[in-house]
Amino acid sequence: MKNLSYVLGSLLGAVALIFLLHNWLAELNEPGYVLLGFGHWSLETSLTVFAAGLVIGFFIAYWFFRLLGILIRMPGQLSKHRRNVKFNRSQEALVTGLFDAADGNWERAEHILIKHAANSGAPLLHYLTAARAAQSRGALDKRDEYLKIAAEQSSDTNMAVGLTQAELHLSEQQFEQALETLGKLHSIDPGHARVLKMMHQAYQHIGDWEGLSRLLPSLQKNKILMETEVKLLETQTYSRLLKQAAVSKDPQTLRSSWENVPGHIKTLPGVANIYFAAMIAAGEGLSIESEMLKQLSKHWDKTLLALYADIETGDNHKHLQEAEKWLAVYPADAVLLQILGKLALKDQQLEKAEQYLLKSLHIDASVDAYQFMGDVLFSKGETEKACDAYKQALELASAEVINRAESISG
């Protein structure tokens, strides 16, 4: 509209100029003279007519070339217009698809998103949302197809496709596939919080404690978990690794696994006891006796004390004397007295064993103490009393089972 105003203004100006020229020549009584020759052809006319012809010719040429330009540009403009229409439709389809997905209309969302994905300014968003919709309706083949197309259209460093793929695999309990994708993402960005979080979840679900132990430093460095969560995860991870090593009953494997445990985790009684129990079961109790004594001196632990009593030292008398040193510090410890009774029984000091066990039972009656008392009495030949001790052990064990069952059901 603006260009048309300029053209009309120019035309009116030209007409006015011709009119003034005509009046000026009329006043001079001189119409002017123009002669044009070309070969055998010639054109003779007045100045006014010639000027009017120039103006008319100019505007005819102007509109001709303008129309020609419009015709030349028309295919491109029509194509652009069609693209804009498709783009606008794809944007509307994206919004509609997102709303449908939010409302749980998975099949409709998937259909409309894929239909307009090719013309969208954000095709990845179409395919990734469609993949989620496909998985939500159970069409895993379609999900993988959309993810593949999205991956082909994204750059190698684009994390969005991989993160979505890993998240969908995790939600379907496809942990191996998720870890394969997450491993590639981890190599691109080792400190990516979401990648590390999902790797942590996947390793835990499949019980890959070796992989989780390698991941722990990154989880701590990048503050993916709270400090208390990291410590709990460290304890769980290294405990499981020690238990896996214990299955082999190979002392070298156990020592190697123990050496990989961080120092602050080794001091935890629960973790250390797994190692000590495994070494004793592997027949290497003597090699860890000094470590167990050192641990007991730092942390008085009744479970570790019971493990210490299971060591086959080859010198039961010395073993008993070593344990009796703790009486000076813990004279009324029922577990210590029970262990001393067990060690005295192994050393064939039956009277001393009976005394220790009677004291232990007086302080806190336990199933193990009654069983050891039965063993002592049986060794002394007091069969009837031994049977009574075993009976009391069974009754106490039954009561404990019943109480535990009631607490669970309650």
Protein backbone atom coordinates (compact mmCIF):
# COMPACT_ATOMS: atom_id res chain seq x y z
CA MET A 1 0.00 0.00 0.00
CA LYS A 2 2.86 2.33 0.81
CA ASN A 3 4.60 1.61 -2.51
CA LEU A 4 1.36 2.25 -4.43
CA SER A 5 1.07 5.67 -2.80
CA TYR A 6 4.62 6.52 -3.93
CA VAL A 7 3.84 5.45 -7.51
CA LEU A 8 0.57 7.45 -7.65
CA GLY A 9 2.29 10.46 -6.18
CA SER A 10 5.06 10.24 -8.76
CA LEU A 11 2.49 9.89 -11.57
CA LEU A 12 0.53 12.95 -10.42
CA GLY A 13 3.77 14.90 -10.11
CA ALA A 14 4.79 13.95 -13.65
CA VAL A 15 1.34 14.95 -15.03
CA ALA A 16 1.53 18.29 -13.23
CA LEU A 17 5.00 18.91 -14.63
CA ILE A 18 3.82 18.15 -18.19
CA PHE A 19 0.85 20.48 -17.71
CA LEU A 20 3.12 23.31 -16.57
CA LEU A 21 5.45 22.63 -19.52
CA HIS A 22 2.51 22.76 -21.92
CA ASN A 23 1.23 26.07 -20.49
CA TRP A 24 4.70 27.59 -20.61
CA LEU A 25 5.18 26.62 -24.23
CA ALA A 26 1.65 27.90 -25.06
CA GLU A 27 2.51 31.31 -23.56
CA LEU A 28 5.63 31.44 -25.70
CA ASN A 29 3.52 30.40 -28.73
CA GLU A 30 6.14 27.73 -29.29
CA PRO A 31 4.95 24.08 -28.98
CA GLY A 32 8.51 22.73 -29.26
CA TYR A 33 9.80 20.21 -31.76
CA VAL A 34 11.25 16.69 -31.40
CA LEU A 35 12.58 14.54 -34.25
CA LEU A 36 13.76 10.96 -33.75
CA GLY A 37 15.39 8.99 -36.56
CA PHE A 38 16.36 5.34 -36.81
CA GLY A 39 17.53 4.02 -40.16
CA HIS A 40 14.80 4.78 -42.72
CA TRP A 41 12.34 5.51 -39.90
CA SER A 42 11.71 8.90 -38.30
CA LEU A 43 9.35 10.23 -35.66
CA GLU A 44 8.34 13.88 -35.45
CA THR A 45 6.24 15.27 -32.59
CA SER A 46 5.85 18.20 -30.25
CA LEU A 47 7.82 18.52 -27.03
CA THR A 48 4.67 18.22 -24.91
CA VAL A 49 3.56 14.98 -26.57
CA PHE A 50 7.10 13.60 -26.34
CA ALA A 51 7.29 14.40 -22.60
CA ALA A 52 3.87 12.79 -22.01
CA GLY A 53 5.01 9.72 -23.98
CA LEU A 54 8.16 9.41 -21.86
CA VAL A 55 6.13 9.52 -18.65
CA ILE A 56 3.61 6.97 -19.90
CA GLY A 57 6.39 4.73 -21.24
CA PHE A 58 8.26 4.94 -17.95
CA PHE A 59 5.22 3.89 -15.93
CA ILE A 60 4.37 1.09 -18.38
CA ALA A 61 7.96 -0.21 -18.12
CA TYR A 62 7.89 0.16 -14.34
CA TRP A 63 4.69 -1.86 -13.96
CA PHE A 64 5.88 -4.41 -16.50
CA PHE A 65 9.11 -5.13 -14.68
CA ARG A 66 7.38 -5.01 -11.32
CA LEU A 67 4.83 -7.56 -12.50
CA LEU A 68 7.65 -9.63 -13.98
CA GLY A 69 9.47 -9.56 -10.61
CA ILE A 70 6.31 -10.62 -8.82
CA LEU A 71 5.84 -13.53 -11.21
CA ILE A 72 9.47 -14.59 -10.82
CA ARG A 73 9.29 -14.46 -7.00
CA MET A 74 5.85 -16.01 -6.79
CA PRO A 75 6.93 -19.72 -6.67
CA GLY A 76 9.38 -19.00 -3.85
CA GLN A 77 6.84 -16.93 -1.96
CA LEU A 78 4.19 -19.58 -2.36
CA SER A 79 6.65 -22.21 -1.16
CA LYS A 80 7.59 -20.05 1.81
CA HIS A 81 3.95 -19.47 2.57
CA ARG A 82 3.28 -23.21 2.51
CA ARG A 83 6.26 -23.78 4.82
CA ASN A 84 4.98 -21.13 7.21
CA VAL A 85 1.55 -22.72 7.22
CA LYS A 86 3.05 -26.14 7.92
CA PHE A 87 5.33 -24.68 10.58
CA ASN A 88 2.42 -22.97 12.33
CA ARG A 89 0.42 -26.18 12.17
CA SER A 90 3.36 -28.14 13.60
CA GLN A 91 3.66 -25.67 16.48
CA GLU A 92 -0.03 -26.02 17.18
CA ALA A 93 0.33 -29.79 16.91
CA LEU A 94 3.23 -29.73 19.40
CA VAL A 95 1.17 -27.83 21.96
CA THR A 96 -1.80 -30.12 21.38
CA GLY A 97 0.40 -33.21 21.62
CA LEU A 98 1.95 -32.03 24.89
CA PHE A 99 -1.49 -31.39 26.35
CA ASP A 100 -2.75 -34.80 25.18
CA ALA A 101 0.29 -36.49 26.70
CA ALA A 102 -0.29 -34.63 29.97
CA ASP A 103 -3.92 -35.80 29.94
CA GLY A 104 -2.93 -39.41 29.25
CA ASN A 105 -4.23 -39.50 25.67
CA TRP A 106 -1.08 -41.33 24.58
CA GLU A 107 -2.18 -42.66 21.20
CA ARG A 108 -3.63 -39.33 20.05
CA ALA A 109 -0.58 -37.43 21.28
CA GLU A 110 1.76 -39.82 19.47
CA HIS A 111 -0.20 -39.57 16.21
CA ILE A 112 -0.36 -35.78 16.05
CA LEU A 113 3.26 -35.29 17.12
CA ILE A 114 4.69 -37.64 14.50
CA LYS A 115 2.40 -36.32 11.76
CA HIS A 116 3.80 -32.79 12.07
CA ALA A 117 7.34 -33.52 13.27
CA ALA A 118 9.00 -33.06 9.84
CA ASN A 119 7.76 -29.46 9.53
CA SER A 120 8.51 -28.40 13.08
CA GLY A 121 11.19 -26.03 14.25
CA ALA A 122 11.82 -28.45 17.14
CA PRO A 123 11.47 -31.97 15.68
CA LEU A 124 13.42 -33.51 18.57
CA LEU A 125 10.74 -32.41 21.00
CA HIS A 126 8.11 -34.07 18.80
CA TYR A 127 9.97 -37.39 18.61
CA LEU A 128 11.00 -37.48 22.27
CA THR A 129 7.47 -36.72 23.48
CA ALA A 130 6.08 -39.27 21.03
CA ALA A 131 8.56 -41.84 22.39
CA ARG A 132 7.28 -41.23 25.92
CA ALA A 133 3.69 -41.55 24.71
CA ALA A 134 4.51 -44.80 22.86
CA GLN A 135 6.10 -46.30 25.95
CA SER A 136 3.19 -45.22 28.14
CA ARG A 137 0.81 -47.20 25.93
CA GLY A 138 3.18 -50.18 25.83
CA ALA A 139 4.43 -49.77 22.25
CA LEU A 140 8.15 -50.25 22.96
CA ASP A 141 9.02 -50.93 19.29
CA LYS A 142 7.54 -47.57 18.31
CA ARG A 143 9.35 -45.94 21.20
CA ASP A 144 12.70 -47.26 19.98
CA GLU A 145 11.87 -46.19 16.42
CA TYR A 146 11.17 -42.60 17.48
CA LEU A 147 14.29 -42.49 19.64
CA LYS A 148 16.38 -43.74 16.70
CA ILE A 149 15.01 -40.99 14.43
CA ALA A 150 15.65 -38.40 17.12
CA ALA A 151 19.23 -39.63 17.55
CA GLU A 152 19.83 -39.40 13.80
CA GLN A 153 18.64 -35.78 13.78
CA SER A 154 20.67 -34.67 16.79
CA SER A 155 24.37 -33.95 17.14
CA ASP A 156 26.79 -36.32 18.85
CA THR A 157 27.05 -33.99 21.86
CA ASN A 158 23.29 -33.52 22.28
CA MET A 159 22.40 -35.00 25.68
CA ALA A 160 18.61 -34.67 25.39
CA VAL A 161 18.02 -37.78 23.29
CA GLY A 162 20.32 -39.98 25.36
CA LEU A 163 18.88 -38.77 28.65
CA THR A 164 15.34 -39.45 27.48
CA GLN A 165 16.34 -42.88 26.17
CA ALA A 166 18.06 -43.81 29.44
CA GLU A 167 15.15 -42.52 31.51
CA LEU A 168 12.64 -44.56 29.50
CA HIS A 169 14.77 -47.70 29.77
CA LEU A 170 15.04 -47.24 33.52
CA SER A 171 11.30 -46.84 33.90
CA GLU A 172 10.85 -50.15 32.05
CA GLN A 173 13.45 -51.91 34.25
CA GLN A 174 15.76 -52.24 31.21
CA PHE A 175 18.87 -51.48 33.25
CA GLU A 176 21.49 -52.94 30.91
CA GLN A 177 20.21 -50.85 27.97
CA ALA A 178 20.04 -47.79 30.21
CA LEU A 179 23.64 -48.26 31.35
CA GLU A 180 24.83 -48.64 27.76
CA THR A 181 23.34 -45.25 26.89
CA LEU A 182 24.46 -43.63 30.14
CA GLY A 183 28.03 -44.85 29.60
CA LYS A 184 28.18 -42.93 26.31
CA LEU A 185 26.71 -39.81 27.92
CA HIS A 186 29.17 -40.12 30.82
CA SER A 187 32.10 -40.11 28.38
CA ILE A 188 30.75 -36.86 26.87
CA ASP A 189 30.13 -35.11 30.20
CA PRO A 190 31.59 -36.98 33.22
CA GLY A 191 30.12 -34.50 35.69
CA HIS A 192 26.55 -34.40 34.39
CA ALA A 193 24.33 -34.64 37.47
CA ARG A 194 21.38 -36.40 35.87
CA VAL A 195 23.61 -38.97 34.14
CA LEU A 196 25.39 -39.79 37.40
CA LYS A 197 22.10 -40.05 39.29
CA MET A 198 20.63 -42.49 36.76
CA MET A 199 23.85 -44.55 36.64
CA HIS A 200 23.69 -44.82 40.42
CA GLN A 201 20.09 -46.05 40.24
CA ALA A 202 20.85 -48.58 37.49
CA TYR A 203 23.92 -50.02 39.25
CA GLN A 204 21.97 -50.43 42.48
CA HIS A 205 19.06 -52.20 40.79
CA ILE A 206 21.24 -54.77 39.03
CA GLY A 207 23.59 -55.16 41.98
CA ASP A 208 26.71 -54.05 40.11
CA TRP A 209 28.61 -53.01 43.23
CA GLU A 210 31.92 -52.92 41.38
CA GLY A 211 30.53 -50.35 38.95
CA LEU A 212 28.99 -48.40 41.81
CA SER A 213 32.32 -48.30 43.67
CA ARG A 214 33.92 -46.69 40.59
CA LEU A 215 31.07 -44.18 40.45
CA LEU A 216 31.23 -43.17 44.12
CA PRO A 217 34.02 -40.55 43.75
CA SER A 218 32.04 -38.75 41.01
CA LEU A 219 28.84 -38.84 43.07
CA GLN A 220 30.68 -37.24 45.98
CA LYS A 221 32.71 -34.76 43.92
CA ASN A 222 29.69 -33.44 42.02
CA LYS A 223 27.47 -33.45 45.13
CA ILE A 224 24.83 -35.68 43.52
CA LEU A 225 23.89 -37.10 46.92
CA MET A 226 23.90 -35.65 50.41
CA GLU A 227 26.93 -36.46 52.54
CA THR A 228 24.96 -38.85 54.75
CA GLU A 229 23.58 -40.60 51.64
CA VAL A 230 27.10 -41.00 50.23
CA LYS A 231 28.36 -42.56 53.46
CA LEU A 232 25.40 -44.93 53.56
CA LEU A 233 25.95 -45.88 49.92
CA GLU A 234 29.68 -46.41 50.53
CA THR A 235 28.91 -48.70 53.46
CA GLN A 236 26.39 -50.69 51.44
CA THR A 237 28.64 -50.92 48.37
CA TYR A 238 31.79 -52.12 50.11
CA SER A 239 29.80 -54.47 52.33
CA ARG A 240 28.31 -56.13 49.25
CA LEU A 241 31.72 -56.34 47.57
CA LEU A 242 33.16 -58.04 50.65
CA LYS A 243 30.24 -60.48 50.73
CA GLN A 244 30.80 -61.30 47.05
CA ALA A 245 34.49 -61.91 47.75
CA ALA A 246 33.55 -64.08 50.75
CA VAL A 247 31.70 -66.51 48.48
CA SER A 248 34.99 -67.48 46.84
CA LYS A 249 36.57 -68.38 50.22
CA ASP A 250 39.86 -67.32 48.68
CA PRO A 251 42.01 -65.40 51.21
CA GLN A 252 43.84 -63.47 48.48
CA THR A 253 40.57 -62.32 46.90
CA LEU A 254 39.31 -61.28 50.34
CA ARG A 255 42.47 -59.31 51.14
CA SER A 256 42.38 -57.59 47.76
CA SER A 257 38.74 -56.60 48.31
CA TRP A 258 39.54 -55.36 51.83
CA GLU A 259 42.44 -53.25 50.57
CA ASN A 260 40.08 -51.43 48.19
CA VAL A 261 37.83 -50.36 51.04
CA PRO A 262 38.46 -46.71 52.05
CA GLY A 263 39.99 -46.21 55.49
CA HIS A 264 36.97 -44.45 57.00
CA ILE A 265 34.74 -47.38 55.95
CA LYS A 266 37.12 -50.00 57.40
CA THR A 267 36.59 -48.54 60.86
CA LEU A 268 32.86 -49.29 60.72
CA PRO A 269 32.27 -52.46 62.80
CA GLY A 270 29.62 -53.87 60.46
CA VAL A 271 31.92 -53.71 57.43
CA ALA A 272 35.00 -54.99 59.27
CA ASN A 273 33.05 -57.91 60.72
CA ILE A 274 32.13 -59.12 57.22
CA TYR A 275 35.82 -59.29 56.34
CA PHE A 276 36.85 -60.94 59.60
CA ALA A 277 34.06 -63.52 59.42
CA ALA A 278 34.97 -64.36 55.81
CA MET A 279 38.66 -64.76 56.66
CA ILE A 280 37.85 -67.02 59.61
CA ALA A 281 35.58 -69.12 57.36
CA ALA A 282 38.46 -69.35 54.86
CA GLY A 283 40.73 -70.73 57.62
CA GLU A 284 42.80 -67.52 57.91
CA GLY A 285 41.71 -66.48 61.39
CA LEU A 286 45.24 -66.38 62.79
CA SER A 287 46.37 -63.92 60.10
CA ILE A 288 43.76 -61.37 61.16
CA GLU A 289 43.86 -61.90 64.94
CA SER A 290 45.96 -58.80 65.55
CA GLU A 291 43.64 -56.71 63.34
CA MET A 292 40.63 -57.95 65.28
CA LEU A 293 42.26 -57.07 68.61
CA LYS A 294 43.14 -53.64 67.30
CA GLN A 295 39.55 -53.13 66.12
CA LEU A 296 38.18 -54.25 69.50
CA SER A 297 40.46 -51.84 71.30
CA LYS A 298 38.97 -48.98 69.28
CA HIS A 299 35.35 -50.14 69.13
CA TRP A 300 34.00 -52.62 71.67
CA ASP A 301 31.76 -54.74 69.48
CA LYS A 302 30.04 -57.87 70.73
CA THR A 303 29.69 -59.39 67.26
CA LEU A 304 33.42 -58.99 66.68
CA LEU A 305 34.03 -60.50 70.11
CA ALA A 306 32.04 -63.57 69.12
CA LEU A 307 34.04 -63.80 65.88
CA TYR A 308 37.29 -63.59 67.84
CA ALA A 309 36.20 -66.64 69.83
CA ASP A 310 35.77 -68.59 66.58
CA ILE A 311 39.44 -68.27 65.61
CA GLU A 312 41.30 -71.55 65.70
CA THR A 313 44.60 -70.44 67.22
CA GLY A 314 46.02 -73.88 68.02
CA ASP A 315 46.65 -72.67 71.58
CA ASN A 316 43.31 -72.57 73.36
CA HIS A 317 44.86 -71.71 76.74
CA LYS A 318 46.60 -68.61 75.38
CA HIS A 319 43.45 -67.69 73.48
CA LEU A 320 41.47 -67.76 76.75
CA GLN A 321 44.09 -65.76 78.64
CA GLU A 322 44.10 -63.07 75.95
CA ALA A 323 40.31 -62.72 76.17
CA GLU A 324 40.31 -62.67 79.98
CA LYS A 325 42.27 -59.40 79.90
CA TRP A 326 39.04 -57.63 78.90
CA LEU A 327 37.40 -58.59 82.21
CA ALA A 328 39.26 -55.73 83.85
CA VAL A 329 37.43 -53.28 81.61
CA TYR A 330 34.09 -55.07 81.11
CA PRO A 331 33.53 -57.26 84.19
CA ALA A 332 29.73 -57.37 83.83
CA ASP A 333 29.48 -57.83 80.05
CA ALA A 334 27.20 -60.82 79.47
CA VAL A 335 28.55 -61.47 75.95
CA LEU A 336 32.18 -61.35 77.15
CA LEU A 337 31.39 -63.80 79.96
CA GLN A 338 29.62 -66.06 77.45
CA ILE A 339 32.66 -65.95 75.12
CA LEU A 340 34.99 -66.70 78.01
CA GLY A 341 32.82 -69.69 78.87
CA LYS A 342 33.08 -70.91 75.27
CA LEU A 343 36.88 -70.48 75.22
CA ALA A 344 37.23 -72.20 78.60
CA LEU A 345 35.20 -75.10 77.22
CA LYS A 346 37.57 -75.34 74.22
CA ASP A 347 40.49 -75.38 76.70
CA GLN A 348 38.73 -78.14 78.67
CA GLN A 349 38.54 -75.94 81.81
CA LEU A 350 34.99 -77.07 82.48
CA GLU A 351 34.56 -75.59 85.96
CA LYS A 352 35.78 -72.19 84.84
CA ALA A 353 33.56 -72.41 81.77
CA GLU A 354 30.52 -73.18 83.93
CA GLN A 355 31.27 -70.24 86.22
CA TYR A 356 31.58 -67.79 83.36
CA LEU A 357 28.37 -69.03 81.77
CA LEU A 358 26.42 -68.87 85.04
CA LYS A 359 27.48 -65.23 85.46
CA SER A 360 26.50 -64.47 81.87
CA LEU A 361 23.07 -66.07 82.29
CA HIS A 362 22.54 -64.21 85.55
CA ILE A 363 23.19 -60.87 83.83
CA ASP A 364 21.36 -61.59 80.56
CA ALA A 365 20.02 -65.00 79.61
CA SER A 366 20.70 -65.83 75.95
CA VAL A 367 20.21 -68.80 73.64
CA ASP A 368 23.96 -69.17 73.00
CA ALA A 369 24.81 -69.08 76.70
CA TYR A 370 22.30 -71.86 77.45
CA GLN A 371 23.66 -73.93 74.54
CA PHE A 372 27.27 -73.53 75.76
CA MET A 373 26.12 -74.40 79.28
CA GLY A 374 24.52 -77.56 77.90
CA ASP A 375 27.80 -78.43 76.16
CA VAL A 376 29.76 -77.89 79.38
CA LEU A 377 27.37 -79.99 81.48
CA PHE A 378 27.32 -82.73 78.85
CA SER A 379 31.13 -82.79 78.87
CA LYS A 380 31.03 -83.12 82.68
CA GLY A 381 28.71 -86.08 82.34
CA GLU A 382 25.72 -84.28 83.83
CA THR A 383 23.38 -85.35 81.06
CA GLU A 384 20.09 -84.44 82.77
CA LYS A 385 21.24 -80.91 83.58
CA ALA A 386 22.61 -80.56 80.05
CA CYS A 387 19.20 -81.50 78.62
CA ASP A 388 17.57 -78.88 80.84
CA ALA A 389 20.00 -76.25 79.52
CA TYR A 390 19.28 -77.22 75.92
CA LYS A 391 15.54 -77.11 76.65
CA GLN A 392 15.84 -73.61 78.08
CA ALA A 393 17.77 -72.57 74.98
CA LEU A 394 14.97 -73.88 72.74
CA GLU A 395 12.26 -72.19 74.80
CA LEU A 396 14.10 -68.88 74.74
CA ALA A 397 14.71 -69.15 71.00
CA SER A 398 11.00 -69.90 70.42
CA ALA A 399 9.97 -66.91 72.53
CA GLU A 400 12.28 -64.67 70.55
CA VAL A 401 10.81 -65.89 67.26
CA ILE A 402 7.25 -65.29 68.52
CA ASN A 403 8.11 -61.79 69.77
CA ARG A 404 9.74 -60.96 66.47
CA ALA A 405 6.73 -62.20 64.51
CA GLU A 406 4.35 -60.20 66.71
CA SER A 407 6.41 -57.04 66.28
CA ILE A 408 6.36 -57.46 62.49
CA SER A 409 2.61 -58.14 62.34
CA GLY A 410 1.93 -55.31 64.77
